[in-house]
């Protein structure tokens, strides 16, 4: 089995289409068609990843995501209206791991799911030495990180990005490379997801003693991690 997927969307026809395809690809799929049920299912610990539609009646996808993130770090992919940048950025800021614009093909969604599960599932948890950069320690095998011995509350994608930056500490890493290595997909034009995730990581890391951010923006080269 490729993984346990939760689909949360009020579009019953679309959900069944996606479910049929994902099951043929080897995923175990559960569904919910409204927000309250979606939150309960996501917090049940019976799924490896949740796919969440932003536009739902009653409790919106943004509200569902906020409730999930208050209690769980389960990876979440948002389904967003194509071109709706505001909801997309709001979702990423709340801790969504990635987004797929609607209408999407089942094949594209399956590829995004696999990319995230590859980095968060048991197969990704192979023994690896901790990465120490000043007061920051990243533990790849346990998928956790701490700064000054204080645990960092990171989403799965934030951890992926921080791990890549830590492995290249002191050197700029392009957004193209970060997208490929941390999100498992090529960077697309106008895609701001890397910027939003990095902004969140910056906040969680705190500043250097001189007030600068631990993650520096290097113009035309990308992001660079510096930790005292």
N, C-alpha and C. Protein backbone atom coordinates (compact mmCIF):
# COMPACT_ATOMS: atom_id res chain seq x y z
N UNK A 1 0.85 -1.20 0.00
CA UNK A 1 0.00 0.00 0.00
C UNK A 1 0.88 1.25 0.00
N UNK A 2 0.54 2.24 -0.83
CA UNK A 2 1.37 3.42 -0.99
C UNK A 2 1.21 4.44 0.13
N UNK A 3 0.12 4.38 0.88
CA UNK A 3 -0.12 5.35 1.93
C UNK A 3 -1.61 5.53 2.15
N UNK A 4 -1.95 6.11 3.31
CA UNK A 4 -3.35 6.31 3.68
C UNK A 4 -3.71 7.78 3.47
N UNK A 5 -4.63 8.01 2.55
CA UNK A 5 -4.97 9.37 2.13
C UNK A 5 -6.38 9.73 2.58
N UNK A 6 -6.54 10.94 3.12
CA UNK A 6 -7.85 11.48 3.46
C UNK A 6 -8.19 12.59 2.47
N UNK A 7 -9.32 12.46 1.77
CA UNK A 7 -9.81 13.49 0.86
C UNK A 7 -10.96 14.24 1.53
N UNK A 8 -10.85 15.56 1.65
CA UNK A 8 -11.90 16.38 2.26
C UNK A 8 -12.36 17.40 1.23
N UNK A 9 -13.55 17.19 0.67
CA UNK A 9 -14.07 18.07 -0.38
C UNK A 9 -15.57 17.84 -0.48
N UNK A 10 -16.33 18.93 -0.65
CA UNK A 10 -17.79 18.78 -0.75
C UNK A 10 -18.24 18.38 -2.15
N UNK A 11 -17.33 18.36 -3.11
CA UNK A 11 -17.65 17.94 -4.48
C UNK A 11 -17.59 16.41 -4.55
N UNK A 12 -18.74 15.78 -4.37
CA UNK A 12 -18.80 14.33 -4.26
C UNK A 12 -18.28 13.66 -5.53
N UNK A 13 -18.66 14.20 -6.67
CA UNK A 13 -18.24 13.60 -7.93
C UNK A 13 -16.72 13.64 -8.09
N UNK A 14 -16.11 14.78 -7.76
CA UNK A 14 -14.66 14.90 -7.86
C UNK A 14 -13.97 13.96 -6.88
N UNK A 15 -14.50 13.89 -5.67
CA UNK A 15 -13.89 13.02 -4.66
C UNK A 15 -13.89 11.57 -5.13
N UNK A 16 -15.00 11.12 -5.72
CA UNK A 16 -15.05 9.73 -6.18
C UNK A 16 -14.09 9.49 -7.34
N UNK A 17 -13.94 10.50 -8.21
CA UNK A 17 -12.99 10.39 -9.31
C UNK A 17 -11.57 10.25 -8.77
N UNK A 18 -11.21 11.12 -7.83
CA UNK A 18 -9.87 11.08 -7.25
C UNK A 18 -9.66 9.80 -6.45
N UNK A 19 -10.70 9.40 -5.73
CA UNK A 19 -10.59 8.18 -4.92
C UNK A 19 -10.33 6.96 -5.81
N UNK A 20 -11.09 6.83 -6.88
CA UNK A 20 -10.92 5.68 -7.77
C UNK A 20 -9.50 5.63 -8.33
N UNK A 21 -8.99 6.79 -8.74
CA UNK A 21 -7.65 6.82 -9.32
C UNK A 21 -6.59 6.47 -8.27
N UNK A 22 -6.69 7.11 -7.10
CA UNK A 22 -5.69 6.88 -6.06
C UNK A 22 -5.69 5.43 -5.58
N UNK A 23 -6.86 4.84 -5.49
CA UNK A 23 -6.92 3.44 -5.07
C UNK A 23 -6.29 2.53 -6.12
N UNK A 24 -6.48 2.87 -7.39
CA UNK A 24 -5.83 2.07 -8.44
C UNK A 24 -4.31 2.21 -8.38
N UNK A 25 -3.85 3.36 -7.84
CA UNK A 25 -2.41 3.59 -7.69
C UNK A 25 -1.86 2.99 -6.41
N UNK A 26 -2.71 2.32 -5.63
CA UNK A 26 -2.24 1.63 -4.45
C UNK A 26 -2.44 2.34 -3.13
N UNK A 27 -3.10 3.50 -3.14
CA UNK A 27 -3.36 4.22 -1.90
C UNK A 27 -4.63 3.69 -1.21
N UNK A 28 -4.65 3.77 0.10
CA UNK A 28 -5.88 3.53 0.86
C UNK A 28 -6.53 4.89 1.07
N UNK A 29 -7.78 5.05 0.66
CA UNK A 29 -8.41 6.37 0.62
C UNK A 29 -9.66 6.41 1.49
N UNK A 30 -9.76 7.44 2.34
CA UNK A 30 -10.97 7.75 3.09
C UNK A 30 -11.45 9.12 2.65
N UNK A 31 -12.73 9.40 2.85
CA UNK A 31 -13.28 10.68 2.38
C UNK A 31 -14.13 11.34 3.45
N UNK A 32 -14.23 12.66 3.34
CA UNK A 32 -15.15 13.45 4.15
C UNK A 32 -15.64 14.58 3.26
N UNK A 33 -16.90 14.97 3.44
CA UNK A 33 -17.49 15.96 2.54
C UNK A 33 -17.83 17.28 3.20
N UNK A 34 -17.46 17.43 4.46
CA UNK A 34 -17.66 18.73 5.12
C UNK A 34 -16.62 18.88 6.23
N UNK A 35 -16.48 20.13 6.71
CA UNK A 35 -15.36 20.48 7.55
C UNK A 35 -15.24 19.75 8.87
N UNK A 36 -16.34 19.65 9.61
CA UNK A 36 -16.29 19.03 10.94
C UNK A 36 -15.82 17.58 10.83
N UNK A 37 -16.39 16.85 9.88
CA UNK A 37 -15.98 15.46 9.68
C UNK A 37 -14.53 15.39 9.21
N UNK A 38 -14.11 16.37 8.39
CA UNK A 38 -12.74 16.39 7.91
C UNK A 38 -11.74 16.59 9.04
N UNK A 39 -12.05 17.49 9.96
CA UNK A 39 -11.16 17.71 11.11
C UNK A 39 -11.05 16.44 11.94
N UNK A 40 -12.20 15.83 12.24
CA UNK A 40 -12.20 14.62 13.06
C UNK A 40 -11.39 13.50 12.41
N UNK A 41 -11.55 13.34 11.11
CA UNK A 41 -10.82 12.28 10.40
C UNK A 41 -9.33 12.56 10.38
N UNK A 42 -8.96 13.82 10.15
CA UNK A 42 -7.54 14.17 10.09
C UNK A 42 -6.84 13.98 11.43
N UNK A 43 -7.59 14.16 12.52
CA UNK A 43 -7.01 14.04 13.85
C UNK A 43 -7.11 12.63 14.42
N UNK A 44 -7.62 11.70 13.62
CA UNK A 44 -7.84 10.34 14.11
C UNK A 44 -6.58 9.49 14.11
N UNK A 45 -5.50 9.98 13.51
CA UNK A 45 -4.24 9.24 13.39
C UNK A 45 -4.38 8.01 12.50
N UNK A 46 -5.39 7.99 11.64
CA UNK A 46 -5.57 6.84 10.74
C UNK A 46 -5.10 7.15 9.32
N UNK A 47 -4.52 8.34 9.11
CA UNK A 47 -4.11 8.74 7.76
C UNK A 47 -2.68 9.26 7.76
N UNK A 48 -2.03 9.12 6.62
CA UNK A 48 -0.66 9.62 6.46
C UNK A 48 -0.63 11.03 5.88
N UNK A 49 -1.70 11.43 5.20
CA UNK A 49 -1.75 12.74 4.55
C UNK A 49 -3.21 13.10 4.29
N UNK A 50 -3.51 14.40 4.33
CA UNK A 50 -4.86 14.88 4.04
C UNK A 50 -4.82 15.81 2.83
N UNK A 51 -5.82 15.67 1.96
CA UNK A 51 -6.00 16.56 0.81
C UNK A 51 -7.26 17.36 1.08
N UNK A 52 -7.13 18.66 1.17
CA UNK A 52 -8.20 19.52 1.69
C UNK A 52 -8.59 20.59 0.68
N UNK A 53 -9.89 20.63 0.36
CA UNK A 53 -10.40 21.68 -0.53
C UNK A 53 -10.60 22.96 0.28
N UNK A 54 -10.17 24.08 -0.27
CA UNK A 54 -10.31 25.36 0.43
C UNK A 54 -11.75 25.86 0.42
N UNK A 55 -12.43 25.70 -0.72
CA UNK A 55 -13.78 26.25 -0.88
C UNK A 55 -14.83 25.21 -0.51
N UNK A 56 -15.28 25.25 0.76
CA UNK A 56 -16.35 24.37 1.21
C UNK A 56 -17.40 25.19 1.96
N UNK A 57 -18.66 24.83 1.85
CA UNK A 57 -19.70 25.54 2.60
C UNK A 57 -19.58 25.25 4.09
N UNK A 58 -20.15 26.14 4.91
CA UNK A 58 -20.05 25.94 6.35
C UNK A 58 -18.65 26.26 6.82
N UNK A 59 -17.95 25.29 7.35
CA UNK A 59 -16.58 25.48 7.78
C UNK A 59 -15.66 25.44 6.56
N UNK A 60 -14.97 26.53 6.30
CA UNK A 60 -14.11 26.60 5.11
C UNK A 60 -12.87 25.74 5.29
N UNK A 61 -12.19 25.49 4.17
CA UNK A 61 -10.96 24.72 4.24
C UNK A 61 -9.90 25.40 5.09
N UNK A 62 -9.88 26.73 5.08
CA UNK A 62 -8.91 27.46 5.90
C UNK A 62 -9.19 27.20 7.39
N UNK A 63 -10.47 27.21 7.78
CA UNK A 63 -10.82 26.93 9.17
C UNK A 63 -10.50 25.49 9.55
N UNK A 64 -10.75 24.57 8.62
CA UNK A 64 -10.42 23.16 8.85
C UNK A 64 -8.92 23.01 9.07
N UNK A 65 -8.12 23.64 8.21
CA UNK A 65 -6.67 23.56 8.31
C UNK A 65 -6.19 24.12 9.65
N UNK A 66 -6.76 25.25 10.08
CA UNK A 66 -6.36 25.86 11.35
C UNK A 66 -6.62 24.91 12.51
N UNK A 67 -7.76 24.22 12.49
CA UNK A 67 -8.08 23.29 13.58
C UNK A 67 -7.17 22.07 13.54
N UNK A 68 -6.86 21.60 12.34
CA UNK A 68 -5.94 20.47 12.23
C UNK A 68 -4.56 20.84 12.76
N UNK A 69 -4.05 22.00 12.32
CA UNK A 69 -2.71 22.41 12.72
C UNK A 69 -2.60 22.73 14.22
N UNK A 70 -3.71 23.04 14.86
CA UNK A 70 -3.67 23.29 16.30
C UNK A 70 -3.34 22.03 17.08
N UNK A 71 -3.55 20.86 16.46
CA UNK A 71 -3.35 19.60 17.18
C UNK A 71 -2.50 18.57 16.46
N UNK A 72 -2.21 18.76 15.18
CA UNK A 72 -1.54 17.71 14.42
C UNK A 72 -0.59 18.29 13.38
N UNK A 73 0.47 17.53 13.11
CA UNK A 73 1.43 17.90 12.06
C UNK A 73 1.24 17.04 10.81
N UNK A 74 0.08 16.35 10.68
CA UNK A 74 -0.17 15.54 9.49
C UNK A 74 0.05 16.37 8.23
N UNK A 75 0.76 15.86 7.23
CA UNK A 75 0.93 16.63 5.99
C UNK A 75 -0.43 16.95 5.36
N UNK A 76 -0.55 18.17 4.84
CA UNK A 76 -1.81 18.62 4.22
C UNK A 76 -1.50 19.25 2.87
N UNK A 77 -2.21 18.78 1.84
CA UNK A 77 -2.18 19.40 0.52
C UNK A 77 -3.50 20.12 0.32
N UNK A 78 -3.46 21.38 -0.09
CA UNK A 78 -4.68 22.13 -0.36
C UNK A 78 -5.08 22.02 -1.82
N UNK A 79 -6.36 21.93 -2.06
CA UNK A 79 -6.91 22.08 -3.41
C UNK A 79 -7.44 23.50 -3.49
N UNK A 80 -6.89 24.33 -4.37
CA UNK A 80 -7.25 25.73 -4.43
C UNK A 80 -7.76 26.10 -5.82
N UNK A 81 -8.59 27.12 -5.87
CA UNK A 81 -9.05 27.63 -7.16
C UNK A 81 -7.86 28.21 -7.91
N UNK A 82 -7.76 27.89 -9.17
CA UNK A 82 -6.62 28.36 -9.97
C UNK A 82 -6.56 29.89 -9.97
N UNK A 83 -5.41 30.43 -9.62
CA UNK A 83 -5.24 31.87 -9.61
C UNK A 83 -5.65 32.53 -8.31
N UNK A 84 -6.20 31.77 -7.35
CA UNK A 84 -6.65 32.36 -6.08
C UNK A 84 -5.47 32.41 -5.12
N UNK A 85 -4.60 33.40 -5.31
CA UNK A 85 -3.36 33.47 -4.54
C UNK A 85 -3.60 33.75 -3.07
N UNK A 86 -4.64 34.52 -2.74
CA UNK A 86 -4.85 34.91 -1.34
C UNK A 86 -5.12 33.69 -0.46
N UNK A 87 -6.05 32.82 -0.89
CA UNK A 87 -6.33 31.62 -0.11
C UNK A 87 -5.13 30.70 -0.08
N UNK A 88 -4.42 30.62 -1.18
CA UNK A 88 -3.25 29.75 -1.26
C UNK A 88 -2.21 30.17 -0.25
N UNK A 89 -1.89 31.47 -0.19
CA UNK A 89 -0.89 31.97 0.75
C UNK A 89 -1.38 31.82 2.18
N UNK A 90 -2.68 32.10 2.41
CA UNK A 90 -3.23 31.93 3.76
C UNK A 90 -3.09 30.50 4.23
N UNK A 91 -3.34 29.56 3.35
CA UNK A 91 -3.20 28.15 3.71
C UNK A 91 -1.77 27.78 4.02
N UNK A 92 -0.83 28.24 3.21
CA UNK A 92 0.58 27.96 3.46
C UNK A 92 1.04 28.58 4.78
N UNK A 93 0.57 29.77 5.07
CA UNK A 93 0.95 30.44 6.32
C UNK A 93 0.40 29.70 7.54
N UNK A 94 -0.72 29.00 7.36
CA UNK A 94 -1.30 28.22 8.46
C UNK A 94 -0.64 26.86 8.61
N UNK A 95 0.24 26.50 7.67
CA UNK A 95 0.97 25.25 7.82
C UNK A 95 0.67 24.18 6.80
N UNK A 96 -0.04 24.52 5.71
CA UNK A 96 -0.22 23.54 4.65
C UNK A 96 1.13 23.22 4.03
N UNK A 97 1.31 21.98 3.57
CA UNK A 97 2.59 21.56 3.03
C UNK A 97 2.74 21.87 1.55
N UNK A 98 1.64 21.86 0.82
CA UNK A 98 1.69 22.13 -0.61
C UNK A 98 0.28 22.44 -1.07
N UNK A 99 0.14 22.84 -2.33
CA UNK A 99 -1.18 23.09 -2.90
C UNK A 99 -1.22 22.58 -4.33
N UNK A 100 -2.42 22.26 -4.78
CA UNK A 100 -2.65 21.85 -6.16
C UNK A 100 -3.83 22.68 -6.68
N UNK A 101 -3.62 23.48 -7.73
CA UNK A 101 -4.73 24.28 -8.27
C UNK A 101 -5.79 23.39 -8.91
N UNK A 102 -7.07 23.75 -8.70
CA UNK A 102 -8.18 23.06 -9.36
C UNK A 102 -8.55 23.82 -10.62
N UNK A 103 -9.00 23.13 -11.68
CA UNK A 103 -9.12 21.67 -11.76
C UNK A 103 -7.75 21.02 -11.91
N UNK A 104 -7.57 19.90 -11.22
CA UNK A 104 -6.31 19.19 -11.30
C UNK A 104 -6.55 17.79 -11.84
N UNK A 105 -5.52 17.19 -12.37
CA UNK A 105 -5.64 15.82 -12.84
C UNK A 105 -5.33 14.89 -11.68
N UNK A 106 -5.97 13.74 -11.60
CA UNK A 106 -5.64 12.77 -10.54
C UNK A 106 -4.16 12.40 -10.55
N UNK A 107 -3.59 12.36 -11.74
CA UNK A 107 -2.17 11.99 -11.84
C UNK A 107 -1.28 13.00 -11.14
N UNK A 108 -1.59 14.30 -11.34
CA UNK A 108 -0.79 15.34 -10.69
C UNK A 108 -0.93 15.25 -9.17
N UNK A 109 -2.16 15.05 -8.69
CA UNK A 109 -2.38 14.96 -7.25
C UNK A 109 -1.62 13.77 -6.68
N UNK A 110 -1.68 12.63 -7.36
CA UNK A 110 -0.97 11.44 -6.90
C UNK A 110 0.54 11.71 -6.81
N UNK A 111 1.07 12.44 -7.78
CA UNK A 111 2.50 12.74 -7.78
C UNK A 111 2.86 13.63 -6.59
N UNK A 112 2.02 14.62 -6.28
CA UNK A 112 2.29 15.49 -5.14
C UNK A 112 2.22 14.70 -3.83
N UNK A 113 1.24 13.81 -3.73
CA UNK A 113 1.10 12.98 -2.52
C UNK A 113 2.34 12.12 -2.33
N UNK A 114 2.77 11.47 -3.40
CA UNK A 114 3.95 10.62 -3.31
C UNK A 114 5.19 11.42 -2.89
N UNK A 115 5.34 12.62 -3.46
CA UNK A 115 6.51 13.45 -3.15
C UNK A 115 6.58 13.77 -1.66
N UNK A 116 5.43 14.07 -1.07
CA UNK A 116 5.42 14.39 0.36
C UNK A 116 5.61 13.14 1.21
N UNK A 117 4.90 12.06 0.88
CA UNK A 117 5.03 10.83 1.67
C UNK A 117 6.43 10.24 1.58
N UNK A 118 7.09 10.44 0.45
CA UNK A 118 8.46 9.94 0.31
C UNK A 118 9.38 10.57 1.34
N UNK A 119 9.08 11.82 1.72
CA UNK A 119 9.92 12.54 2.65
C UNK A 119 9.45 12.44 4.08
N UNK A 120 8.25 11.92 4.31
CA UNK A 120 7.72 11.86 5.67
C UNK A 120 7.42 10.46 6.16
N UNK A 121 7.36 9.48 5.24
CA UNK A 121 6.99 8.13 5.63
C UNK A 121 8.15 7.35 6.20
N UNK A 122 7.88 6.10 6.61
CA UNK A 122 8.92 5.25 7.21
C UNK A 122 10.14 5.07 6.33
N UNK A 123 9.94 5.01 5.00
CA UNK A 123 11.09 4.81 4.11
C UNK A 123 12.05 5.98 4.14
N UNK A 124 11.49 7.18 4.54
CA UNK A 124 12.36 8.35 4.59
C UNK A 124 13.17 8.41 5.86
N UNK A 125 12.76 7.60 6.87
CA UNK A 125 13.38 7.69 8.19
C UNK A 125 14.57 6.76 8.33
N UNK A 126 15.47 6.75 7.37
CA UNK A 126 16.67 5.94 7.45
C UNK A 126 17.65 6.62 8.40
N UNK A 127 18.50 5.84 9.09
CA UNK A 127 19.43 6.43 10.04
C UNK A 127 20.30 7.48 9.36
N UNK A 128 20.48 8.59 10.02
CA UNK A 128 21.32 9.67 9.51
C UNK A 128 21.85 10.45 10.69
N UNK A 129 23.06 10.92 10.57
CA UNK A 129 23.67 11.67 11.66
C UNK A 129 23.00 13.04 11.80
N UNK A 130 22.90 13.54 13.02
CA UNK A 130 22.37 14.89 13.22
C UNK A 130 23.21 15.92 12.48
N UNK A 131 22.56 16.98 12.03
CA UNK A 131 23.25 18.09 11.36
C UNK A 131 23.32 19.23 12.37
N UNK A 132 24.53 19.64 12.73
CA UNK A 132 24.71 20.69 13.72
C UNK A 132 25.24 21.95 13.04
N UNK A 133 24.49 23.03 13.19
CA UNK A 133 24.90 24.33 12.64
C UNK A 133 24.77 25.34 13.77
N UNK A 134 25.87 25.62 14.45
CA UNK A 134 25.81 26.52 15.60
C UNK A 134 24.88 25.98 16.67
N UNK A 135 23.88 26.77 17.03
CA UNK A 135 22.92 26.37 18.07
C UNK A 135 21.75 25.58 17.51
N UNK A 136 21.78 25.30 16.22
CA UNK A 136 20.71 24.53 15.57
C UNK A 136 21.16 23.09 15.37
N UNK A 137 20.30 22.15 15.75
CA UNK A 137 20.56 20.74 15.49
C UNK A 137 19.35 20.15 14.77
N UNK A 138 19.61 19.51 13.64
CA UNK A 138 18.56 18.87 12.85
C UNK A 138 18.79 17.36 12.93
N UNK A 139 17.72 16.62 13.26
CA UNK A 139 17.80 15.17 13.39
C UNK A 139 17.00 14.54 12.25
N UNK A 140 17.65 14.22 11.13
CA UNK A 140 16.93 13.70 9.96
C UNK A 140 16.17 12.41 10.23
N UNK A 141 16.74 11.49 11.00
CA UNK A 141 16.09 10.21 11.24
C UNK A 141 14.78 10.37 12.01
N UNK A 142 14.76 11.31 12.96
CA UNK A 142 13.54 11.54 13.75
C UNK A 142 12.67 12.66 13.17
N UNK A 143 13.16 13.31 12.13
CA UNK A 143 12.45 14.43 11.50
C UNK A 143 12.06 15.48 12.54
N UNK A 144 13.06 15.91 13.28
CA UNK A 144 12.84 16.97 14.26
C UNK A 144 14.07 17.85 14.31
N UNK A 145 13.88 19.05 14.86
CA UNK A 145 14.98 19.99 14.96
C UNK A 145 14.83 20.80 16.24
N UNK A 146 15.95 21.31 16.73
CA UNK A 146 15.91 22.15 17.92
C UNK A 146 16.95 23.24 17.80
N UNK A 147 16.67 24.37 18.40
CA UNK A 147 17.65 25.46 18.46
C UNK A 147 17.85 25.84 19.92
N UNK A 148 19.09 25.89 20.33
CA UNK A 148 19.44 26.14 21.73
C UNK A 148 18.73 25.13 22.63
N UNK A 149 18.65 23.89 22.14
CA UNK A 149 18.05 22.75 22.84
C UNK A 149 16.55 22.90 23.06
N UNK A 150 15.93 23.83 22.35
CA UNK A 150 14.48 24.02 22.41
C UNK A 150 13.88 23.45 21.13
N UNK A 151 12.95 22.48 21.22
CA UNK A 151 12.36 21.88 20.02
C UNK A 151 11.65 22.92 19.15
N UNK A 152 11.75 22.78 17.84
CA UNK A 152 11.07 23.65 16.88
C UNK A 152 9.81 22.95 16.40
N UNK A 153 8.71 23.67 16.40
CA UNK A 153 7.42 23.12 15.96
C UNK A 153 7.29 23.35 14.46
N UNK A 154 7.76 22.37 13.67
CA UNK A 154 7.81 22.52 12.22
C UNK A 154 6.82 21.60 11.53
N UNK A 155 6.23 22.07 10.43
CA UNK A 155 5.45 21.18 9.58
C UNK A 155 6.42 20.29 8.81
N UNK A 156 5.89 19.28 8.14
CA UNK A 156 6.76 18.37 7.41
C UNK A 156 7.55 19.09 6.31
N UNK A 157 6.89 20.01 5.60
CA UNK A 157 7.59 20.74 4.54
C UNK A 157 8.60 21.72 5.12
N UNK A 158 8.27 22.37 6.22
CA UNK A 158 9.22 23.27 6.86
C UNK A 158 10.47 22.49 7.30
N UNK A 159 10.27 21.29 7.84
CA UNK A 159 11.42 20.48 8.22
C UNK A 159 12.27 20.16 7.00
N UNK A 160 11.62 19.76 5.90
CA UNK A 160 12.37 19.44 4.68
C UNK A 160 13.23 20.62 4.23
N UNK A 161 12.63 21.80 4.23
CA UNK A 161 13.36 22.99 3.80
C UNK A 161 14.52 23.30 4.74
N UNK A 162 14.26 23.22 6.04
CA UNK A 162 15.32 23.52 7.01
C UNK A 162 16.46 22.51 6.90
N UNK A 163 16.12 21.25 6.66
CA UNK A 163 17.16 20.24 6.51
C UNK A 163 18.05 20.54 5.30
N UNK A 164 17.44 20.91 4.18
CA UNK A 164 18.22 21.24 2.98
C UNK A 164 19.12 22.44 3.25
N UNK A 165 18.57 23.47 3.89
CA UNK A 165 19.36 24.67 4.19
C UNK A 165 20.49 24.34 5.16
N UNK A 166 20.22 23.47 6.14
CA UNK A 166 21.24 23.11 7.12
C UNK A 166 22.37 22.33 6.48
N UNK A 167 22.03 21.48 5.51
CA UNK A 167 23.07 20.70 4.83
C UNK A 167 23.98 21.61 3.99
N UNK A 168 23.48 22.78 3.64
CA UNK A 168 24.26 23.72 2.84
C UNK A 168 24.50 25.02 3.63
N UNK A 169 24.58 24.91 4.94
CA UNK A 169 24.72 26.10 5.79
C UNK A 169 25.88 26.96 5.35
N UNK A 170 25.64 28.27 5.31
CA UNK A 170 26.67 29.21 4.89
C UNK A 170 26.75 29.41 3.40
N UNK A 171 25.93 28.65 2.64
CA UNK A 171 25.91 28.77 1.19
C UNK A 171 24.48 29.04 0.73
N UNK A 172 24.29 29.90 -0.27
CA UNK A 172 22.94 30.14 -0.77
C UNK A 172 22.40 28.93 -1.53
N UNK A 173 21.13 28.64 -1.32
CA UNK A 173 20.46 27.55 -2.03
C UNK A 173 19.32 28.18 -2.83
N UNK A 174 19.28 27.93 -4.12
CA UNK A 174 18.27 28.55 -4.98
C UNK A 174 16.87 28.02 -4.65
N UNK A 175 15.87 28.83 -4.96
CA UNK A 175 14.49 28.40 -4.75
C UNK A 175 14.16 27.22 -5.65
N UNK A 176 14.77 27.16 -6.80
CA UNK A 176 14.57 26.01 -7.69
C UNK A 176 15.02 24.72 -7.02
N UNK A 177 16.21 24.76 -6.41
CA UNK A 177 16.72 23.56 -5.73
C UNK A 177 15.90 23.25 -4.49
N UNK A 178 15.49 24.27 -3.75
CA UNK A 178 14.68 24.05 -2.55
C UNK A 178 13.35 23.40 -2.91
N UNK A 179 12.72 23.87 -3.98
CA UNK A 179 11.44 23.30 -4.39
C UNK A 179 11.60 21.84 -4.78
N UNK A 180 12.64 21.55 -5.52
CA UNK A 180 12.85 20.18 -5.99
C UNK A 180 13.19 19.24 -4.83
N UNK A 181 14.06 19.69 -3.93
CA UNK A 181 14.52 18.82 -2.85
C UNK A 181 13.54 18.73 -1.69
N UNK A 182 12.86 19.82 -1.36
CA UNK A 182 11.97 19.82 -0.20
C UNK A 182 10.52 19.52 -0.54
N UNK A 183 10.06 20.02 -1.71
CA UNK A 183 8.68 19.79 -2.11
C UNK A 183 8.54 18.63 -3.09
N UNK A 184 9.66 18.25 -3.71
CA UNK A 184 9.63 17.15 -4.65
C UNK A 184 9.02 17.51 -5.98
N UNK A 185 9.06 18.78 -6.33
CA UNK A 185 8.50 19.20 -7.62
C UNK A 185 9.27 20.42 -8.13
N UNK A 186 9.24 20.65 -9.45
CA UNK A 186 9.92 21.82 -10.00
C UNK A 186 9.24 23.11 -9.54
N UNK A 187 10.02 24.16 -9.44
CA UNK A 187 9.47 25.46 -9.12
C UNK A 187 8.74 26.01 -10.33
N UNK A 188 7.53 26.50 -10.13
CA UNK A 188 6.76 27.07 -11.22
C UNK A 188 6.73 28.58 -11.13
N UNK A 189 6.44 29.21 -12.24
CA UNK A 189 6.40 30.67 -12.28
C UNK A 189 5.32 31.21 -11.35
N UNK A 190 5.65 32.27 -10.62
CA UNK A 190 4.76 32.93 -9.67
C UNK A 190 4.45 32.08 -8.44
N UNK A 191 5.18 30.98 -8.23
CA UNK A 191 4.97 30.13 -7.07
C UNK A 191 5.66 30.75 -5.86
N UNK A 192 4.87 31.13 -4.85
CA UNK A 192 5.43 31.78 -3.67
C UNK A 192 5.50 30.85 -2.47
N UNK A 193 5.23 29.56 -2.67
CA UNK A 193 5.15 28.65 -1.53
C UNK A 193 6.47 28.58 -0.76
N UNK A 194 7.60 28.56 -1.47
CA UNK A 194 8.90 28.50 -0.79
C UNK A 194 9.07 29.73 0.09
N UNK A 195 8.74 30.91 -0.43
CA UNK A 195 8.89 32.15 0.34
C UNK A 195 8.04 32.12 1.61
N UNK A 196 6.81 31.63 1.49
CA UNK A 196 5.92 31.59 2.65
C UNK A 196 6.45 30.61 3.70
N UNK A 197 6.88 29.44 3.26
CA UNK A 197 7.43 28.46 4.21
C UNK A 197 8.68 29.00 4.89
N UNK A 198 9.58 29.63 4.12
CA UNK A 198 10.81 30.17 4.70
C UNK A 198 10.49 31.26 5.71
N UNK A 199 9.50 32.09 5.42
CA UNK A 199 9.09 33.13 6.37
C UNK A 199 8.66 32.52 7.69
N UNK A 200 7.92 31.42 7.63
CA UNK A 200 7.48 30.74 8.85
C UNK A 200 8.66 30.16 9.62
N UNK A 201 9.61 29.55 8.88
CA UNK A 201 10.79 28.98 9.55
C UNK A 201 11.60 30.08 10.22
N UNK A 202 11.75 31.20 9.55
CA UNK A 202 12.49 32.33 10.13
C UNK A 202 11.89 32.71 11.48
N UNK A 203 10.58 32.82 11.52
CA UNK A 203 9.89 33.20 12.76
C UNK A 203 10.16 32.18 13.87
N UNK A 204 10.14 30.90 13.51
CA UNK A 204 10.32 29.85 14.51
C UNK A 204 11.77 29.75 14.99
N UNK A 205 12.72 30.07 14.13
CA UNK A 205 14.13 30.03 14.52
C UNK A 205 14.51 31.21 15.40
N UNK A 206 13.85 32.35 15.21
CA UNK A 206 14.25 33.55 15.92
C UNK A 206 15.45 34.20 15.24
N UNK A 207 15.90 35.31 15.80
CA UNK A 207 16.98 36.07 15.18
C UNK A 207 18.34 35.74 15.78
N UNK A 208 19.39 36.15 15.06
CA UNK A 208 20.74 36.08 15.56
C UNK A 208 20.95 37.13 16.65
N UNK A 209 22.07 37.07 17.35
CA UNK A 209 22.33 38.01 18.43
C UNK A 209 22.34 39.46 17.96
N UNK A 210 22.74 39.68 16.69
CA UNK A 210 22.79 41.05 16.17
C UNK A 210 21.47 41.50 15.55
N UNK A 211 20.43 40.67 15.69
CA UNK A 211 19.11 41.05 15.21
C UNK A 211 18.78 40.58 13.81
N UNK A 212 19.77 40.02 13.09
CA UNK A 212 19.50 39.53 11.74
C UNK A 212 18.75 38.20 11.78
N UNK A 213 18.06 37.90 10.69
CA UNK A 213 17.39 36.62 10.56
C UNK A 213 18.40 35.50 10.38
N UNK A 214 18.05 34.31 10.88
CA UNK A 214 18.93 33.15 10.69
C UNK A 214 18.97 32.71 9.23
N UNK A 215 17.95 33.06 8.47
CA UNK A 215 17.91 32.71 7.05
C UNK A 215 17.98 34.00 6.24
N UNK A 216 19.08 34.17 5.56
CA UNK A 216 19.32 35.38 4.78
C UNK A 216 18.86 35.20 3.33
N UNK A 217 18.29 36.25 2.77
CA UNK A 217 17.96 36.26 1.35
C UNK A 217 19.17 36.76 0.57
N UNK A 218 19.65 35.95 -0.36
CA UNK A 218 20.79 36.34 -1.20
C UNK A 218 20.22 36.65 -2.59
N UNK A 219 20.25 37.90 -2.97
CA UNK A 219 19.59 38.35 -4.20
C UNK A 219 20.07 37.55 -5.40
N UNK A 220 19.11 37.04 -6.15
CA UNK A 220 19.31 36.26 -7.38
C UNK A 220 20.00 34.91 -7.14
N UNK A 221 20.20 34.54 -5.85
CA UNK A 221 20.83 33.25 -5.57
C UNK A 221 20.00 32.34 -4.67
N UNK A 222 19.11 32.93 -3.86
CA UNK A 222 18.24 32.08 -3.03
C UNK A 222 18.33 32.42 -1.56
N UNK A 223 18.28 31.38 -0.70
CA UNK A 223 18.30 31.55 0.74
C UNK A 223 19.52 30.89 1.34
N UNK A 224 20.02 31.49 2.42
CA UNK A 224 21.23 30.98 3.06
C UNK A 224 21.02 30.93 4.57
N UNK A 225 21.33 29.78 5.19
CA UNK A 225 21.19 29.61 6.63
C UNK A 225 22.46 30.02 7.34
N UNK A 226 22.31 30.89 8.35
CA UNK A 226 23.43 31.31 9.19
C UNK A 226 22.95 31.24 10.64
N UNK A 227 23.58 30.40 11.45
CA UNK A 227 23.20 30.26 12.85
C UNK A 227 24.45 30.35 13.70
N UNK A 228 24.41 31.24 14.72
CA UNK A 228 25.59 31.38 15.59
C UNK A 228 25.70 30.18 16.52
